[in-house]
Amino acid sequence: MTLENLRSWKKLSCVIAVLGGLQFIILTLIAMFFYPGGYSFVDHYFSNLGTTITVENYKPNTISRTLFVIACILVGISLIPFWIVITTMFADEEISRYLSYFGSLLGIIASPLLMLAGIFPGDKSYAIHALTARYFFLFFASAILIYSIAILLKSDYNIIYALVGFGLSILIVLYIYRAFILINPLMQKIIVYGLITWSGIQVVHIWKTVSSEE
């Protein structure tokens, strides 16, 4: 990557998306380190990082909460250009193009929901936090599902992109509706990191496609 690459709005959008995902991972890991009383990767949800006080010992959670809010806001913002640029990969076929528009609309709606889920703490504003977090996952899963269908209709996309998307979106829906034993902190982290990975895979495809066209 060079400064010359960043003159392309498509590549710049890819870079912003990647940085957004990386900063979320880094800031939440740092937040886990500063979580009062110790953060359990297996037993605590991401939402625990955003509470004003810890639910275990009622200690102030200022540092972790600040980092969590920043991480959610920045990744929410960084996803918006990603949802815009990914539509350009489907511009040459009518059905896929309209599916991509719909998928990106759902994805863009998910962004402010993620930001609100971070801003409203689960201990003080549980109803709003739970509602926005739930619908963030639902809208993101729907966007991935729509894009997986669009990918199946594209001859230049490997079918593995669609299969991964279908699998991830189904897993998210099962998690949201508390199916089986899927409702646990570890599964939440698998899903969140899965969303970041899915977005990263799409960014790689976009980057390669744009580079080949230059």
N, C-alpha and C. Protein backbone atom coordinates (compact mmCIF):
# COMPACT_ATOMS: atom_id res chain seq x y z
N MET A 1 0.84 -1.19 0.00
CA MET A 1 0.00 0.00 0.00
C MET A 1 0.88 1.25 0.00
N THR A 2 0.57 2.21 -0.85
CA THR A 2 1.30 3.47 -0.92
C THR A 2 0.31 4.63 -0.85
N LEU A 3 0.86 5.83 -0.70
CA LEU A 3 0.01 7.02 -0.69
C LEU A 3 -0.71 7.18 -2.03
N GLU A 4 -0.09 6.69 -3.08
CA GLU A 4 -0.70 6.75 -4.40
C GLU A 4 -1.99 5.93 -4.42
N ASN A 5 -1.97 4.77 -3.74
CA ASN A 5 -3.16 3.93 -3.66
C ASN A 5 -4.33 4.66 -3.02
N LEU A 6 -4.03 5.50 -2.03
CA LEU A 6 -5.08 6.16 -1.26
C LEU A 6 -5.78 7.27 -2.04
N ARG A 7 -5.27 7.58 -3.23
CA ARG A 7 -5.97 8.55 -4.08
C ARG A 7 -7.22 7.93 -4.69
N SER A 8 -7.30 6.61 -4.66
CA SER A 8 -8.49 5.90 -5.11
C SER A 8 -9.48 5.83 -3.95
N TRP A 9 -10.69 6.37 -4.14
CA TRP A 9 -11.65 6.37 -3.04
C TRP A 9 -12.04 4.95 -2.64
N LYS A 10 -11.96 4.04 -3.60
CA LYS A 10 -12.30 2.65 -3.30
C LYS A 10 -11.27 2.03 -2.37
N LYS A 11 -9.99 2.26 -2.67
CA LYS A 11 -8.94 1.71 -1.82
C LYS A 11 -8.89 2.42 -0.48
N LEU A 12 -9.18 3.71 -0.48
CA LEU A 12 -9.21 4.46 0.78
C LEU A 12 -10.32 3.92 1.67
N SER A 13 -11.46 3.59 1.07
CA SER A 13 -12.57 3.02 1.83
C SER A 13 -12.18 1.68 2.44
N CYS A 14 -11.41 0.90 1.68
CA CYS A 14 -10.94 -0.39 2.18
C CYS A 14 -10.01 -0.20 3.37
N VAL A 15 -9.10 0.76 3.27
CA VAL A 15 -8.16 1.02 4.35
C VAL A 15 -8.90 1.46 5.61
N ILE A 16 -9.88 2.33 5.45
CA ILE A 16 -10.67 2.82 6.59
C ILE A 16 -11.38 1.65 7.27
N ALA A 17 -11.95 0.75 6.47
CA ALA A 17 -12.65 -0.41 7.03
C ALA A 17 -11.70 -1.31 7.81
N VAL A 18 -10.53 -1.57 7.25
CA VAL A 18 -9.54 -2.43 7.91
C VAL A 18 -9.07 -1.79 9.22
N LEU A 19 -8.77 -0.50 9.18
CA LEU A 19 -8.33 0.19 10.39
C LEU A 19 -9.42 0.19 11.46
N GLY A 20 -10.67 0.31 11.01
CA GLY A 20 -11.78 0.28 11.96
C GLY A 20 -11.88 -1.05 12.68
N GLY A 21 -11.73 -2.14 11.93
CA GLY A 21 -11.78 -3.46 12.54
C GLY A 21 -10.60 -3.71 13.46
N LEU A 22 -9.40 -3.29 13.03
CA LEU A 22 -8.20 -3.50 13.85
C LEU A 22 -8.26 -2.71 15.15
N GLN A 23 -8.72 -1.45 15.06
CA GLN A 23 -8.77 -0.66 16.29
C GLN A 23 -9.79 -1.22 17.27
N PHE A 24 -10.88 -1.81 16.75
CA PHE A 24 -11.86 -2.43 17.65
C PHE A 24 -11.22 -3.58 18.41
N ILE A 25 -10.49 -4.43 17.70
CA ILE A 25 -9.83 -5.57 18.34
C ILE A 25 -8.82 -5.09 19.38
N ILE A 26 -7.99 -4.12 18.99
CA ILE A 26 -6.93 -3.64 19.87
C ILE A 26 -7.49 -2.92 21.10
N LEU A 27 -8.44 -2.00 20.88
CA LEU A 27 -8.98 -1.23 22.00
C LEU A 27 -9.77 -2.10 22.97
N THR A 28 -10.52 -3.07 22.45
CA THR A 28 -11.27 -3.94 23.36
C THR A 28 -10.33 -4.87 24.14
N LEU A 29 -9.23 -5.29 23.52
CA LEU A 29 -8.26 -6.10 24.25
C LEU A 29 -7.61 -5.29 25.37
N ILE A 30 -7.30 -4.02 25.08
CA ILE A 30 -6.74 -3.15 26.12
C ILE A 30 -7.79 -2.92 27.22
N ALA A 31 -9.05 -2.75 26.81
CA ALA A 31 -10.14 -2.55 27.78
C ALA A 31 -10.27 -3.76 28.69
N MET A 32 -10.10 -4.95 28.12
CA MET A 32 -10.15 -6.17 28.94
C MET A 32 -9.06 -6.16 30.00
N PHE A 33 -7.89 -5.66 29.64
CA PHE A 33 -6.76 -5.60 30.56
C PHE A 33 -7.06 -4.68 31.74
N PHE A 34 -7.76 -3.57 31.48
CA PHE A 34 -8.05 -2.59 32.53
C PHE A 34 -9.37 -2.84 33.26
N TYR A 35 -10.08 -3.91 32.87
CA TYR A 35 -11.37 -4.18 33.51
C TYR A 35 -11.16 -4.49 34.99
N PRO A 36 -11.79 -3.72 35.90
CA PRO A 36 -11.59 -3.91 37.34
C PRO A 36 -11.95 -5.32 37.80
N GLY A 37 -11.03 -5.94 38.53
CA GLY A 37 -11.29 -7.27 39.04
C GLY A 37 -10.92 -8.37 38.08
N GLY A 38 -10.52 -8.00 36.85
CA GLY A 38 -10.12 -9.00 35.86
C GLY A 38 -11.25 -9.38 34.92
N TYR A 39 -10.95 -9.39 33.63
CA TYR A 39 -11.94 -9.72 32.60
C TYR A 39 -11.73 -11.16 32.13
N SER A 40 -12.82 -11.91 32.11
CA SER A 40 -12.77 -13.29 31.62
C SER A 40 -13.23 -13.34 30.17
N PHE A 41 -12.34 -13.77 29.29
CA PHE A 41 -12.66 -13.83 27.86
C PHE A 41 -13.81 -14.81 27.60
N VAL A 42 -13.95 -15.81 28.45
CA VAL A 42 -14.97 -16.85 28.27
C VAL A 42 -16.28 -16.50 28.98
N ASP A 43 -16.19 -15.83 30.11
CA ASP A 43 -17.38 -15.62 30.95
C ASP A 43 -17.99 -14.22 30.83
N HIS A 44 -17.26 -13.27 30.28
CA HIS A 44 -17.77 -11.91 30.16
C HIS A 44 -18.10 -11.57 28.71
N TYR A 45 -19.20 -10.82 28.53
CA TYR A 45 -19.58 -10.34 27.21
C TYR A 45 -18.79 -9.06 26.88
N PHE A 46 -18.80 -8.68 25.61
CA PHE A 46 -18.23 -7.39 25.24
C PHE A 46 -18.92 -6.28 26.00
N SER A 47 -20.21 -6.44 26.23
CA SER A 47 -21.00 -5.41 26.90
C SER A 47 -20.48 -5.10 28.30
N ASN A 48 -19.86 -6.08 28.95
CA ASN A 48 -19.30 -5.83 30.28
C ASN A 48 -18.25 -4.73 30.25
N LEU A 49 -17.55 -4.62 29.11
CA LEU A 49 -16.53 -3.58 28.99
C LEU A 49 -17.15 -2.20 28.98
N GLY A 50 -18.41 -2.10 28.59
CA GLY A 50 -19.05 -0.80 28.45
C GLY A 50 -19.89 -0.37 29.64
N THR A 51 -19.93 -1.16 30.70
CA THR A 51 -20.72 -0.78 31.87
C THR A 51 -20.02 0.33 32.65
N THR A 52 -20.78 1.09 33.41
CA THR A 52 -20.20 2.17 34.21
C THR A 52 -19.53 1.63 35.47
N ILE A 53 -20.07 0.52 35.98
CA ILE A 53 -19.47 -0.17 37.12
C ILE A 53 -19.46 -1.66 36.81
N THR A 54 -18.58 -2.41 37.46
CA THR A 54 -18.53 -3.85 37.22
C THR A 54 -19.68 -4.53 37.95
N VAL A 55 -20.24 -5.54 37.34
CA VAL A 55 -21.39 -6.23 37.93
C VAL A 55 -20.95 -7.16 39.06
N GLU A 56 -19.67 -7.52 39.10
CA GLU A 56 -19.19 -8.45 40.12
C GLU A 56 -18.87 -7.77 41.45
N ASN A 57 -18.16 -6.64 41.38
CA ASN A 57 -17.72 -5.99 42.63
C ASN A 57 -18.09 -4.51 42.71
N TYR A 58 -18.88 -4.04 41.75
CA TYR A 58 -19.40 -2.67 41.75
C TYR A 58 -18.29 -1.61 41.80
N LYS A 59 -17.20 -1.88 41.10
CA LYS A 59 -16.11 -0.91 41.00
C LYS A 59 -16.29 -0.05 39.75
N PRO A 60 -15.87 1.23 39.80
CA PRO A 60 -15.96 2.09 38.61
C PRO A 60 -15.20 1.47 37.44
N ASN A 61 -15.78 1.60 36.25
CA ASN A 61 -15.21 0.96 35.07
C ASN A 61 -14.87 2.01 34.01
N THR A 62 -14.26 3.07 34.44
CA THR A 62 -14.07 4.26 33.59
C THR A 62 -13.19 3.98 32.36
N ILE A 63 -12.02 3.39 32.58
CA ILE A 63 -11.08 3.20 31.47
C ILE A 63 -11.63 2.24 30.43
N SER A 64 -12.10 1.08 30.89
CA SER A 64 -12.63 0.09 29.95
C SER A 64 -13.83 0.63 29.20
N ARG A 65 -14.71 1.32 29.91
CA ARG A 65 -15.90 1.87 29.25
C ARG A 65 -15.52 2.89 28.19
N THR A 66 -14.59 3.78 28.51
CA THR A 66 -14.17 4.80 27.54
C THR A 66 -13.61 4.16 26.28
N LEU A 67 -12.74 3.17 26.46
CA LEU A 67 -12.14 2.48 25.32
C LEU A 67 -13.20 1.74 24.50
N PHE A 68 -14.15 1.13 25.19
CA PHE A 68 -15.20 0.38 24.50
C PHE A 68 -16.08 1.31 23.67
N VAL A 69 -16.46 2.44 24.24
CA VAL A 69 -17.29 3.40 23.51
C VAL A 69 -16.55 3.92 22.27
N ILE A 70 -15.29 4.28 22.44
CA ILE A 70 -14.48 4.75 21.30
C ILE A 70 -14.41 3.68 20.22
N ALA A 71 -14.16 2.43 20.63
CA ALA A 71 -14.03 1.33 19.67
C ALA A 71 -15.31 1.13 18.88
N CYS A 72 -16.46 1.17 19.57
CA CYS A 72 -17.75 0.97 18.90
C CYS A 72 -18.06 2.11 17.93
N ILE A 73 -17.79 3.34 18.35
CA ILE A 73 -18.07 4.49 17.49
C ILE A 73 -17.19 4.47 16.24
N LEU A 74 -15.90 4.20 16.43
CA LEU A 74 -14.98 4.23 15.29
C LEU A 74 -15.25 3.10 14.30
N VAL A 75 -15.54 1.90 14.81
CA VAL A 75 -15.81 0.81 13.87
C VAL A 75 -17.14 1.03 13.17
N GLY A 76 -18.10 1.63 13.87
CA GLY A 76 -19.38 1.94 13.23
C GLY A 76 -19.21 2.92 12.07
N ILE A 77 -18.39 3.95 12.31
CA ILE A 77 -18.12 4.94 11.26
C ILE A 77 -17.34 4.31 10.10
N SER A 78 -16.36 3.48 10.43
CA SER A 78 -15.49 2.90 9.39
C SER A 78 -16.23 1.94 8.47
N LEU A 79 -17.33 1.38 8.95
CA LEU A 79 -18.07 0.42 8.13
C LEU A 79 -18.91 1.09 7.05
N ILE A 80 -19.24 2.35 7.23
CA ILE A 80 -20.09 3.04 6.26
C ILE A 80 -19.44 3.11 4.87
N PRO A 81 -18.18 3.58 4.75
CA PRO A 81 -17.56 3.56 3.42
C PRO A 81 -17.39 2.15 2.86
N PHE A 82 -17.22 1.17 3.74
CA PHE A 82 -17.12 -0.23 3.29
C PHE A 82 -18.40 -0.65 2.59
N TRP A 83 -19.55 -0.35 3.20
CA TRP A 83 -20.83 -0.75 2.60
C TRP A 83 -21.10 -0.02 1.30
N ILE A 84 -20.51 1.15 1.15
CA ILE A 84 -20.68 1.90 -0.10
C ILE A 84 -19.80 1.30 -1.21
N VAL A 85 -18.53 1.06 -0.88
CA VAL A 85 -17.60 0.59 -1.91
C VAL A 85 -17.89 -0.83 -2.37
N ILE A 86 -18.44 -1.66 -1.50
CA ILE A 86 -18.69 -3.04 -1.89
C ILE A 86 -19.76 -3.14 -2.98
N THR A 87 -20.63 -2.15 -3.07
CA THR A 87 -21.65 -2.17 -4.11
C THR A 87 -21.04 -2.08 -5.50
N THR A 88 -19.85 -1.48 -5.60
CA THR A 88 -19.22 -1.33 -6.92
C THR A 88 -18.77 -2.66 -7.50
N MET A 89 -18.70 -3.69 -6.67
CA MET A 89 -18.31 -5.01 -7.15
C MET A 89 -19.45 -5.71 -7.88
N PHE A 90 -20.66 -5.13 -7.80
CA PHE A 90 -21.83 -5.78 -8.37
C PHE A 90 -22.54 -4.88 -9.39
N ALA A 91 -21.82 -3.90 -9.92
CA ALA A 91 -22.43 -2.89 -10.78
C ALA A 91 -22.77 -3.38 -12.17
N ASP A 92 -22.19 -4.51 -12.60
CA ASP A 92 -22.35 -4.92 -13.99
C ASP A 92 -23.52 -5.86 -14.24
N GLU A 93 -24.20 -6.32 -13.20
CA GLU A 93 -25.35 -7.20 -13.36
C GLU A 93 -26.53 -6.65 -12.57
N GLU A 94 -27.67 -6.51 -13.22
CA GLU A 94 -28.79 -5.78 -12.63
C GLU A 94 -29.28 -6.39 -11.32
N ILE A 95 -29.55 -7.69 -11.31
CA ILE A 95 -30.09 -8.31 -10.10
C ILE A 95 -29.10 -8.20 -8.95
N SER A 96 -27.84 -8.53 -9.22
CA SER A 96 -26.81 -8.44 -8.18
C SER A 96 -26.63 -7.01 -7.70
N ARG A 97 -26.76 -6.05 -8.63
CA ARG A 97 -26.59 -4.65 -8.27
C ARG A 97 -27.66 -4.20 -7.28
N TYR A 98 -28.91 -4.55 -7.54
CA TYR A 98 -29.99 -4.15 -6.64
C TYR A 98 -29.92 -4.89 -5.31
N LEU A 99 -29.48 -6.14 -5.35
CA LEU A 99 -29.28 -6.88 -4.11
C LEU A 99 -28.19 -6.22 -3.27
N SER A 100 -27.13 -5.77 -3.94
CA SER A 100 -26.03 -5.12 -3.21
C SER A 100 -26.49 -3.80 -2.60
N TYR A 101 -27.33 -3.06 -3.31
CA TYR A 101 -27.86 -1.81 -2.75
C TYR A 101 -28.66 -2.09 -1.48
N PHE A 102 -29.49 -3.12 -1.54
CA PHE A 102 -30.32 -3.47 -0.39
C PHE A 102 -29.45 -3.97 0.76
N GLY A 103 -28.48 -4.81 0.43
CA GLY A 103 -27.58 -5.33 1.46
C GLY A 103 -26.80 -4.21 2.14
N SER A 104 -26.31 -3.27 1.36
CA SER A 104 -25.54 -2.17 1.93
C SER A 104 -26.42 -1.23 2.75
N LEU A 105 -27.66 -1.06 2.34
CA LEU A 105 -28.58 -0.24 3.14
C LEU A 105 -28.75 -0.84 4.53
N LEU A 106 -28.93 -2.16 4.57
CA LEU A 106 -29.06 -2.84 5.86
C LEU A 106 -27.77 -2.70 6.67
N GLY A 107 -26.63 -2.82 5.99
CA GLY A 107 -25.35 -2.69 6.67
C GLY A 107 -25.13 -1.30 7.24
N ILE A 108 -25.51 -0.29 6.46
CA ILE A 108 -25.36 1.09 6.93
C ILE A 108 -26.26 1.36 8.13
N ILE A 109 -27.45 0.80 8.13
CA ILE A 109 -28.36 0.95 9.27
C ILE A 109 -27.74 0.32 10.52
N ALA A 110 -26.99 -0.77 10.33
CA ALA A 110 -26.38 -1.45 11.47
C ALA A 110 -25.32 -0.59 12.16
N SER A 111 -24.67 0.30 11.42
CA SER A 111 -23.56 1.08 11.97
C SER A 111 -23.97 1.96 13.16
N PRO A 112 -24.99 2.83 13.04
CA PRO A 112 -25.37 3.63 14.20
C PRO A 112 -25.91 2.79 15.35
N LEU A 113 -26.48 1.63 15.04
CA LEU A 113 -26.97 0.75 16.10
C LEU A 113 -25.80 0.24 16.94
N LEU A 114 -24.69 -0.08 16.28
CA LEU A 114 -23.49 -0.51 17.01
C LEU A 114 -22.96 0.63 17.87
N MET A 115 -22.93 1.83 17.33
CA MET A 115 -22.45 2.98 18.09
C MET A 115 -23.32 3.23 19.32
N LEU A 116 -24.63 3.12 19.16
CA LEU A 116 -25.55 3.33 20.28
C LEU A 116 -25.41 2.24 21.33
N ALA A 117 -25.16 1.01 20.87
CA ALA A 117 -24.97 -0.10 21.82
C ALA A 117 -23.74 0.15 22.69
N GLY A 118 -22.74 0.81 22.12
CA GLY A 118 -21.55 1.15 22.89
C GLY A 118 -21.78 2.33 23.81
N ILE A 119 -22.50 3.32 23.33
CA ILE A 119 -22.73 4.55 24.10
C ILE A 119 -23.62 4.30 25.31
N PHE A 120 -24.68 3.50 25.14
CA PHE A 120 -25.60 3.23 26.24
C PHE A 120 -25.12 2.01 27.02
N PRO A 121 -24.73 2.20 28.28
CA PRO A 121 -24.18 1.09 29.07
C PRO A 121 -25.26 0.09 29.48
N GLY A 122 -24.86 -1.17 29.53
CA GLY A 122 -25.82 -2.22 29.87
C GLY A 122 -26.32 -2.16 31.28
N ASP A 123 -25.57 -1.53 32.19
CA ASP A 123 -26.00 -1.49 33.59
C ASP A 123 -26.92 -0.31 33.88
N LYS A 124 -26.82 0.76 33.11
CA LYS A 124 -27.64 1.95 33.36
C LYS A 124 -28.78 2.09 32.35
N SER A 125 -28.58 1.63 31.15
CA SER A 125 -29.60 1.76 30.10
C SER A 125 -29.75 0.42 29.39
N TYR A 126 -30.09 -0.60 30.17
CA TYR A 126 -30.09 -1.96 29.63
C TYR A 126 -31.03 -2.12 28.45
N ALA A 127 -32.24 -1.57 28.54
CA ALA A 127 -33.23 -1.76 27.47
C ALA A 127 -32.71 -1.23 26.14
N ILE A 128 -32.17 -0.02 26.15
CA ILE A 128 -31.66 0.58 24.92
C ILE A 128 -30.43 -0.18 24.43
N HIS A 129 -29.54 -0.51 25.35
CA HIS A 129 -28.33 -1.24 24.98
C HIS A 129 -28.67 -2.59 24.35
N ALA A 130 -29.55 -3.33 25.00
CA ALA A 130 -29.91 -4.66 24.50
C ALA A 130 -30.61 -4.58 23.16
N LEU A 131 -31.49 -3.58 23.01
CA LEU A 131 -32.25 -3.44 21.76
C LEU A 131 -31.33 -3.07 20.60
N THR A 132 -30.45 -2.10 20.81
CA THR A 132 -29.57 -1.67 19.72
C THR A 132 -28.54 -2.76 19.37
N ALA A 133 -28.05 -3.47 20.38
CA ALA A 133 -27.09 -4.55 20.12
C ALA A 133 -27.77 -5.68 19.33
N ARG A 134 -28.98 -6.02 19.74
CA ARG A 134 -29.72 -7.10 19.08
C ARG A 134 -29.97 -6.76 17.61
N TYR A 135 -30.41 -5.54 17.36
CA TYR A 135 -30.74 -5.18 15.98
C TYR A 135 -29.49 -4.88 15.15
N PHE A 136 -28.39 -4.52 15.80
CA PHE A 136 -27.13 -4.42 15.06
C PHE A 136 -26.78 -5.78 14.46
N PHE A 137 -26.81 -6.81 15.28
CA PHE A 137 -26.50 -8.15 14.80
C PHE A 137 -27.49 -8.60 13.73
N LEU A 138 -28.76 -8.28 13.94
CA LEU A 138 -29.80 -8.71 12.99
C LEU A 138 -29.62 -8.04 11.64
N PHE A 139 -29.38 -6.73 11.63
CA PHE A 139 -29.20 -6.01 10.37
C PHE A 139 -27.91 -6.43 9.67
N PHE A 140 -26.85 -6.64 10.44
CA PHE A 140 -25.58 -7.06 9.85
C PHE A 140 -25.72 -8.45 9.24
N ALA A 141 -26.39 -9.35 9.98
CA ALA A 141 -26.61 -10.70 9.46
C ALA A 141 -27.45 -10.67 8.19
N SER A 142 -28.45 -9.81 8.15
CA SER A 142 -29.30 -9.69 6.97
C SER A 142 -28.50 -9.17 5.78
N ALA A 143 -27.61 -8.20 6.04
CA ALA A 143 -26.76 -7.66 4.98
C ALA A 143 -25.86 -8.74 4.41
N ILE A 144 -25.26 -9.54 5.29
CA ILE A 144 -24.39 -10.63 4.84
C ILE A 144 -25.18 -11.65 4.03
N LEU A 145 -26.38 -11.96 4.47
CA LEU A 145 -27.23 -12.93 3.77
C LEU A 145 -27.56 -12.44 2.36
N ILE A 146 -27.94 -11.18 2.25
CA ILE A 146 -28.27 -10.60 0.95
C ILE A 146 -27.05 -10.62 0.04
N TYR A 147 -25.91 -10.26 0.59
CA TYR A 147 -24.69 -10.25 -0.22
C TYR A 147 -24.27 -11.66 -0.62
N SER A 148 -24.54 -12.63 0.22
CA SER A 148 -24.21 -14.01 -0.12
C SER A 148 -25.02 -14.48 -1.33
N ILE A 149 -26.27 -14.05 -1.40
CA ILE A 149 -27.11 -14.36 -2.56
C ILE A 149 -26.56 -13.66 -3.80
N ALA A 150 -26.19 -12.39 -3.64
CA ALA A 150 -25.63 -11.64 -4.76
C ALA A 150 -24.34 -12.27 -5.26
N ILE A 151 -23.53 -12.76 -4.34
CA ILE A 151 -22.26 -13.40 -4.70
C ILE A 151 -22.49 -14.66 -5.51
N LEU A 152 -23.52 -15.42 -5.15
CA LEU A 152 -23.84 -16.64 -5.89
C LEU A 152 -24.19 -16.34 -7.35
N LEU A 153 -24.71 -15.14 -7.58
CA LEU A 153 -25.11 -14.75 -8.92
C LEU A 153 -23.96 -14.15 -9.73
N LYS A 154 -22.81 -13.96 -9.06
CA LYS A 154 -21.66 -13.37 -9.74
C LYS A 154 -20.68 -14.46 -10.14
N SER A 155 -20.37 -14.52 -11.41
CA SER A 155 -19.49 -15.57 -11.91
C SER A 155 -18.03 -15.38 -11.48
N ASP A 156 -17.62 -14.14 -11.19
CA ASP A 156 -16.22 -13.90 -10.85
C ASP A 156 -15.95 -13.99 -9.35
N TYR A 157 -16.95 -14.37 -8.58
CA TYR A 157 -16.78 -14.57 -7.14
C TYR A 157 -16.66 -16.06 -6.86
N ASN A 158 -15.74 -16.44 -6.01
CA ASN A 158 -15.63 -17.82 -5.58
C ASN A 158 -16.81 -18.16 -4.69
N ILE A 159 -17.39 -19.33 -4.87
CA ILE A 159 -18.58 -19.73 -4.12
C ILE A 159 -18.31 -19.79 -2.62
N ILE A 160 -17.04 -19.93 -2.24
CA ILE A 160 -16.71 -20.00 -0.81
C ILE A 160 -17.11 -18.72 -0.09
N TYR A 161 -17.06 -17.57 -0.81
CA TYR A 161 -17.48 -16.30 -0.22
C TYR A 161 -18.94 -16.37 0.22
N ALA A 162 -19.76 -16.97 -0.62
CA ALA A 162 -21.19 -17.08 -0.33
C ALA A 162 -21.44 -18.07 0.80
N LEU A 163 -20.75 -19.21 0.77
CA LEU A 163 -20.96 -20.24 1.78
C LEU A 163 -20.58 -19.74 3.18
N VAL A 164 -19.47 -19.02 3.25
CA VAL A 164 -19.04 -18.44 4.52
C VAL A 164 -20.08 -17.44 5.01
N GLY A 165 -20.59 -16.63 4.11
CA GLY A 165 -21.60 -15.64 4.46
C GLY A 165 -22.89 -16.28 4.96
N PHE A 166 -23.35 -17.30 4.26
CA PHE A 166 -24.56 -18.01 4.69
C PHE A 166 -24.37 -18.60 6.09
N GLY A 167 -23.23 -19.24 6.29
CA GLY A 167 -22.96 -19.87 7.58
C GLY A 167 -22.93 -18.87 8.71
N LEU A 168 -22.26 -17.73 8.49
CA LEU A 168 -22.14 -16.71 9.52
C LEU A 168 -23.48 -16.06 9.82
N SER A 169 -24.26 -15.76 8.80
CA SER A 169 -25.56 -15.12 9.02
C SER A 169 -26.51 -16.04 9.78
N ILE A 170 -26.48 -17.33 9.47
CA ILE A 170 -27.32 -18.30 10.18
C ILE A 170 -26.89 -18.39 11.64
N LEU A 171 -25.58 -18.42 11.88
CA LEU A 171 -25.06 -18.49 13.24
C LEU A 171 -25.51 -17.28 14.06
N ILE A 172 -25.49 -16.11 13.44
CA ILE A 172 -25.90 -14.88 14.13
C ILE A 172 -27.36 -14.94 14.51
N VAL A 173 -28.20 -15.39 13.59
CA VAL A 173 -29.64 -15.49 13.87
C VAL A 173 -29.90 -16.47 15.01
N LEU A 174 -29.21 -17.60 14.99
CA LEU A 174 -29.37 -18.58 16.07
C LEU A 174 -28.94 -17.97 17.40
N TYR A 175 -27.88 -17.18 17.36
CA TYR A 175 -27.39 -16.53 18.58
C TYR A 175 -28.40 -15.50 19.09
N ILE A 176 -28.92 -14.69 18.18
CA ILE A 176 -29.87 -13.64 18.57
C ILE A 176 -31.11 -14.24 19.24
N TYR A 177 -31.59 -15.34 18.67
CA TYR A 177 -32.81 -15.95 19.21
C TYR A 177 -32.53 -17.05 20.21
N ARG A 178 -31.32 -17.03 20.77
CA ARG A 178 -30.94 -17.88 21.89
C ARG A 178 -31.19 -19.36 21.61
N ALA A 179 -30.77 -19.79 20.44
CA ALA A 179 -30.97 -21.19 20.06
C ALA A 179 -29.93 -22.08 20.72
N PHE A 180 -30.38 -23.18 21.22
CA PHE A 180 -29.51 -24.21 21.79
C PHE A 180 -28.61 -23.60 22.88
N ILE A 181 -27.30 -23.84 22.80
CA ILE A 181 -26.38 -23.34 23.82
C ILE A 181 -25.53 -22.19 23.26
N LEU A 182 -26.04 -21.55 22.22
CA LEU A 182 -25.24 -20.54 21.52
C LEU A 182 -25.18 -19.21 22.25
N ILE A 183 -26.05 -19.01 23.25
CA ILE A 183 -26.07 -17.72 23.91
C ILE A 183 -25.05 -17.74 25.06
N ASN A 184 -23.83 -17.41 24.75
CA ASN A 184 -22.78 -17.33 25.75
C ASN A 184 -21.70 -16.36 25.28
N PRO A 185 -20.89 -15.83 26.21
CA PRO A 185 -19.89 -14.82 25.84
C PRO A 185 -18.90 -15.27 24.78
N LEU A 186 -18.48 -16.53 24.83
CA LEU A 186 -17.50 -17.01 23.86
C LEU A 186 -18.09 -17.03 22.46
N MET A 187 -19.33 -17.46 22.33
CA MET A 187 -19.99 -17.46 21.02
C MET A 187 -20.15 -16.04 20.49
N GLN A 188 -20.44 -15.10 21.40
CA GLN A 188 -20.54 -13.71 20.97
C GLN A 188 -19.22 -13.23 20.36
N LYS A 189 -18.12 -13.60 20.98
CA LYS A 189 -16.82 -13.17 20.47
C LYS A 189 -16.51 -13.84 19.13
N ILE A 190 -16.87 -15.10 19.00
CA ILE A 190 -16.68 -15.80 17.72
C ILE A 190 -17.44 -15.08 16.62
N ILE A 191 -18.66 -14.66 16.92
CA ILE A 191 -19.49 -13.96 15.93
C ILE A 191 -18.90 -12.60 15.59
N VAL A 192 -18.52 -11.84 16.60
CA VAL A 192 -17.97 -10.49 16.36
C VAL A 192 -16.69 -10.57 15.53
N TYR A 193 -15.80 -11.47 15.91
CA TYR A 193 -14.57 -11.63 15.14
C TYR A 193 -14.87 -12.21 13.75
N GLY A 194 -15.95 -12.98 13.67
CA GLY A 194 -16.37 -13.49 12.37
C GLY A 194 -16.84 -12.37 11.46
N LEU A 195 -17.56 -11.40 12.02
CA LEU A 195 -18.01 -10.25 11.23
C LEU A 195 -16.82 -9.44 10.72
N ILE A 196 -15.83 -9.25 11.58
CA ILE A 196 -14.63 -8.52 11.18
C ILE A 196 -13.89 -9.28 10.08
N THR A 197 -13.81 -10.60 10.24
CA THR A 197 -13.13 -11.43 9.24
C THR A 197 -13.86 -11.41 7.91
N TRP A 198 -15.19 -11.51 7.95
CA TRP A 198 -15.98 -11.47 6.72
C TRP A 198 -15.76 -10.15 5.98
N SER A 199 -15.79 -9.05 6.73
CA SER A 199 -15.55 -7.75 6.12
C SER A 199 -14.15 -7.67 5.54
N GLY A 200 -13.17 -8.23 6.27
CA GLY A 200 -11.79 -8.21 5.78
C GLY A 200 -11.62 -9.01 4.50
N ILE A 201 -12.31 -10.15 4.40
CA ILE A 201 -12.25 -10.96 3.18
C ILE A 201 -12.81 -10.19 2.00
N GLN A 202 -13.91 -9.48 2.23
CA GLN A 202 -14.49 -8.67 1.15
C GLN A 202 -13.56 -7.54 0.75
N VAL A 203 -12.88 -6.94 1.73
CA VAL A 203 -11.94 -5.86 1.44
C VAL A 203 -10.80 -6.35 0.55
N VAL A 204 -10.29 -7.55 0.84
CA VAL A 204 -9.22 -8.13 0.02
C VAL A 204 -9.68 -8.30 -1.42
N HIS A 205 -10.92 -8.80 -1.59
CA HIS A 205 -11.45 -8.99 -2.94
C HIS A 205 -11.62 -7.65 -3.66
N ILE A 206 -12.14 -6.66 -2.94
CA ILE A 206 -12.32 -5.33 -3.53
C ILE A 206 -10.98 -4.75 -3.94
N TRP A 207 -9.99 -4.87 -3.05
CA TRP A 207 -8.66 -4.31 -3.33
C TRP A 207 -8.05 -4.94 -4.58
N LYS A 208 -8.13 -6.27 -4.65
CA LYS A 208 -7.56 -6.97 -5.80
C LYS A 208 -8.28 -6.58 -7.10
N THR A 209 -9.60 -6.44 -7.02
CA THR A 209 -10.38 -6.09 -8.20
C THR A 209 -10.04 -4.68 -8.68
N VAL A 210 -9.96 -3.75 -7.76
CA VAL A 210 -9.63 -2.37 -8.11
C VAL A 210 -8.22 -2.28 -8.67
N SER A 211 -7.28 -3.03 -8.09
CA SER A 211 -5.89 -3.02 -8.55
C SER A 211 -5.79 -3.56 -9.97
N SER A 212 -6.58 -4.58 -10.29
CA SER A 212 -6.53 -5.16 -11.62
C SER A 212 -7.13 -4.25 -12.68
N GLU A 213 -7.97 -3.32 -12.24
CA GLU A 213 -8.63 -2.41 -13.18
C GLU A 213 -7.78 -1.16 -13.44
N GLU A 214 -6.79 -0.92 -12.58
CA GLU A 214 -5.97 0.29 -12.71
C GLU A 214 -4.92 0.16 -13.81
